[in-house]
Amino acid sequence: MSEEGVYILKSQKNNRYYIGSTNNLSRRLNQHKLGQVMSTRLLRPLEFVAFIKCLDLADARRAEYRLKKYKRKDILEKTIKDGIFPWNH
């Protein structure tokens, strides 16, 4: 699978969310599962909760950065529920 987009994971350990971007979702999820991603290694096990497609990897990186700047769980949970970015409403 080589789709560009932003993905959101939820730690089953502490209920915190992790936001990332990729151009290969299955590869990236496997890296998280195997503990190869330093920022999520201690958060495992992780649950995949959302993927939002983007135009390309650069667009996905911008969307990831912008979504992380919100820093509010309610906005992130609405994004997960709706499957679209908050600025697309």
C-alpha atoms as a PDB file:
ATOM      1  CA  MET A   1       0.000   0.000   0.000  1.00  0.00           C
ATOM      2  CA  SER A   2       1.498   3.343  -0.954  1.00  0.00           C
ATOM      3  CA  GLU A   3      -1.015   5.987   0.021  1.00  0.00           C
ATOM      4  CA  GLU A   4       0.091   9.324   1.336  1.00  0.00           C
ATOM      5  CA  GLY A   5      -1.658  10.592   4.413  1.00  0.00           C
ATOM      6  CA  VAL A   6      -1.849  11.220   8.119  1.00  0.00           C
ATOM      7  CA  TYR A   7      -2.484   8.368  10.525  1.00  0.00           C
ATOM      8  CA  ILE A   8      -3.499   8.436  14.165  1.00  0.00           C
ATOM      9  CA  LEU A   9      -2.668   5.776  16.725  1.00  0.00           C
ATOM     10  CA  LYS A  10      -3.913   5.465  20.292  1.00  0.00           C
ATOM     11  CA  SER A  11      -1.839   3.978  23.073  1.00  0.00           C
ATOM     12  CA  GLN A  12      -3.679   1.223  24.898  1.00  0.00           C
ATOM     13  CA  LYS A  13      -1.248   1.798  27.748  1.00  0.00           C
ATOM     14  CA  ASN A  14      -2.094   5.430  28.578  1.00  0.00           C
ATOM     15  CA  ASN A  15      -4.845   6.469  26.077  1.00  0.00           C
ATOM     16  CA  ARG A  16      -2.599   9.104  24.453  1.00  0.00           C
ATOM     17  CA  TYR A  17      -2.711   9.731  20.730  1.00  0.00           C
ATOM     18  CA  TYR A  18       0.170   9.677  18.272  1.00  0.00           C
ATOM     19  CA  ILE A  19      -0.086  11.509  14.943  1.00  0.00           C
ATOM     20  CA  GLY A  20       2.178  10.607  12.046  1.00  0.00           C
ATOM     21  CA  SER A  21       2.410  10.854   8.272  1.00  0.00           C
ATOM     22  CA  THR A  22       3.539   8.318   5.708  1.00  0.00           C
ATOM     23  CA  ASN A  23       3.494   7.224   2.095  1.00  0.00           C
ATOM     24  CA  ASN A  24       3.265   3.536   3.054  1.00  0.00           C
ATOM     25  CA  LEU A  25       0.782   2.877   5.851  1.00  0.00           C
ATOM     26  CA  SER A  26       1.282  -0.874   6.236  1.00  0.00           C
ATOM     27  CA  ARG A  27       5.079  -0.508   6.491  1.00  0.00           C
ATOM     28  CA  ARG A  28       4.772   2.319   9.006  1.00  0.00           C
ATOM     29  CA  LEU A  29       2.250   0.479  11.193  1.00  0.00           C
ATOM     30  CA  ASN A  30       4.528  -2.557  11.218  1.00  0.00           C
ATOM     31  CA  GLN A  31       7.452  -0.363  12.337  1.00  0.00           C
ATOM     32  CA  HIS A  32       5.350   0.933  15.245  1.00  0.00           C
ATOM     33  CA  LYS A  33       4.241  -2.605  16.139  1.00  0.00           C
ATOM     34  CA  LEU A  34       7.836  -3.881  16.203  1.00  0.00           C
ATOM     35  CA  GLY A  35       9.036  -0.990  18.385  1.00  0.00           C
ATOM     36  CA  GLN A  36      11.229   0.509  15.646  1.00  0.00           C
ATOM     37  CA  VAL A  37       9.806   4.018  16.181  1.00  0.00           C
ATOM     38  CA  MET A  38      11.464   5.657  19.186  1.00  0.00           C
ATOM     39  CA  SER A  39       8.603   8.064  19.917  1.00  0.00           C
ATOM     40  CA  THR A  40       6.042   5.259  20.301  1.00  0.00           C
ATOM     41  CA  ARG A  41       8.185   2.411  21.613  1.00  0.00           C
ATOM     42  CA  LEU A  42       7.104   2.968  25.230  1.00  0.00           C
ATOM     43  CA  LEU A  43       3.467   3.622  24.276  1.00  0.00           C
ATOM     44  CA  ARG A  44       2.846   0.128  22.930  1.00  0.00           C
ATOM     45  CA  PRO A  45       0.496  -1.583  22.414  1.00  0.00           C
ATOM     46  CA  LEU A  46      -0.957   0.845  19.906  1.00  0.00           C
ATOM     47  CA  GLU A  47      -4.359   0.851  18.266  1.00  0.00           C
ATOM     48  CA  PHE A  48      -4.805   2.225  14.740  1.00  0.00           C
ATOM     49  CA  VAL A  49      -7.723   4.685  14.872  1.00  0.00           C
ATOM     50  CA  ALA A  50      -7.676   6.789  11.691  1.00  0.00           C
ATOM     51  CA  PHE A  51      -6.071   7.491   8.331  1.00  0.00           C
ATOM     52  CA  ILE A  52      -6.771  10.619   6.293  1.00  0.00           C
ATOM     53  CA  LYS A  53      -5.539  10.687   2.693  1.00  0.00           C
ATOM     54  CA  CYS A  54      -3.511  13.616   1.415  1.00  0.00           C
ATOM     55  CA  LEU A  55      -2.401  14.725  -2.058  1.00  0.00           C
ATOM     56  CA  ASP A  56       1.234  13.727  -1.553  1.00  0.00           C
ATOM     57  CA  LEU A  57       3.786  13.151   1.206  1.00  0.00           C
ATOM     58  CA  ALA A  58       4.644  16.863   1.505  1.00  0.00           C
ATOM     59  CA  ASP A  59       0.948  17.656   1.997  1.00  0.00           C
ATOM     60  CA  ALA A  60       0.708  14.860   4.587  1.00  0.00           C
ATOM     61  CA  ARG A  61       3.699  16.252   6.522  1.00  0.00           C
ATOM     62  CA  ARG A  62       2.121  19.742   6.549  1.00  0.00           C
ATOM     63  CA  ALA A  63      -1.221  18.312   7.728  1.00  0.00           C
ATOM     64  CA  GLU A  64       0.518  16.277  10.459  1.00  0.00           C
ATOM     65  CA  TYR A  65       2.337  19.361  11.732  1.00  0.00           C
ATOM     66  CA  ARG A  66      -0.821  21.468  11.624  1.00  0.00           C
ATOM     67  CA  LEU A  67      -2.905  18.834  13.436  1.00  0.00           C
ATOM     68  CA  LYS A  68      -0.269  18.457  16.165  1.00  0.00           C
ATOM     69  CA  LYS A  69      -0.386  22.218  16.800  1.00  0.00           C
ATOM     70  CA  TYR A  70      -4.011  21.989  17.991  1.00  0.00           C
ATOM     71  CA  LYS A  71      -2.946  20.149  21.195  1.00  0.00           C
ATOM     72  CA  ARG A  72      -6.571  19.483  22.124  1.00  0.00           C
ATOM     73  CA  LYS A  73      -7.908  15.980  22.573  1.00  0.00           C
ATOM     74  CA  ASP A  74     -11.491  16.965  21.684  1.00  0.00           C
ATOM     75  CA  ILE A  75     -10.420  18.350  18.300  1.00  0.00           C
ATOM     76  CA  LEU A  76      -8.360  15.237  17.595  1.00  0.00           C
ATOM     77  CA  GLU A  77     -11.238  12.940  18.576  1.00  0.00           C
ATOM     78  CA  LYS A  78     -13.612  14.863  16.283  1.00  0.00           C
ATOM     79  CA  THR A  79     -11.056  14.507  13.477  1.00  0.00           C
ATOM     80  CA  ILE A  80     -10.957  10.748  14.106  1.00  0.00           C
ATOM     81  CA  LYS A  81     -14.763  10.523  14.186  1.00  0.00           C
ATOM     82  CA  ASP A  82     -15.330  12.659  11.062  1.00  0.00           C
ATOM     83  CA  GLY A  83     -12.319  11.410   9.076  1.00  0.00           C
ATOM     84  CA  ILE A  84     -11.441  14.917   7.910  1.00  0.00           C
ATOM     85  CA  PHE A  85      -9.098  17.640   9.122  1.00  0.00           C
ATOM     86  CA  PRO A  86     -10.622  20.398  11.322  1.00  0.00           C
ATOM     87  CA  TRP A  87      -9.683  23.090   8.807  1.00  0.00           C
ATOM     88  CA  ASN A  88     -11.730  21.361   6.069  1.00  0.00           C
ATOM     89  CA  HIS A  89     -15.085  21.986   7.815  1.00  0.00           C
END
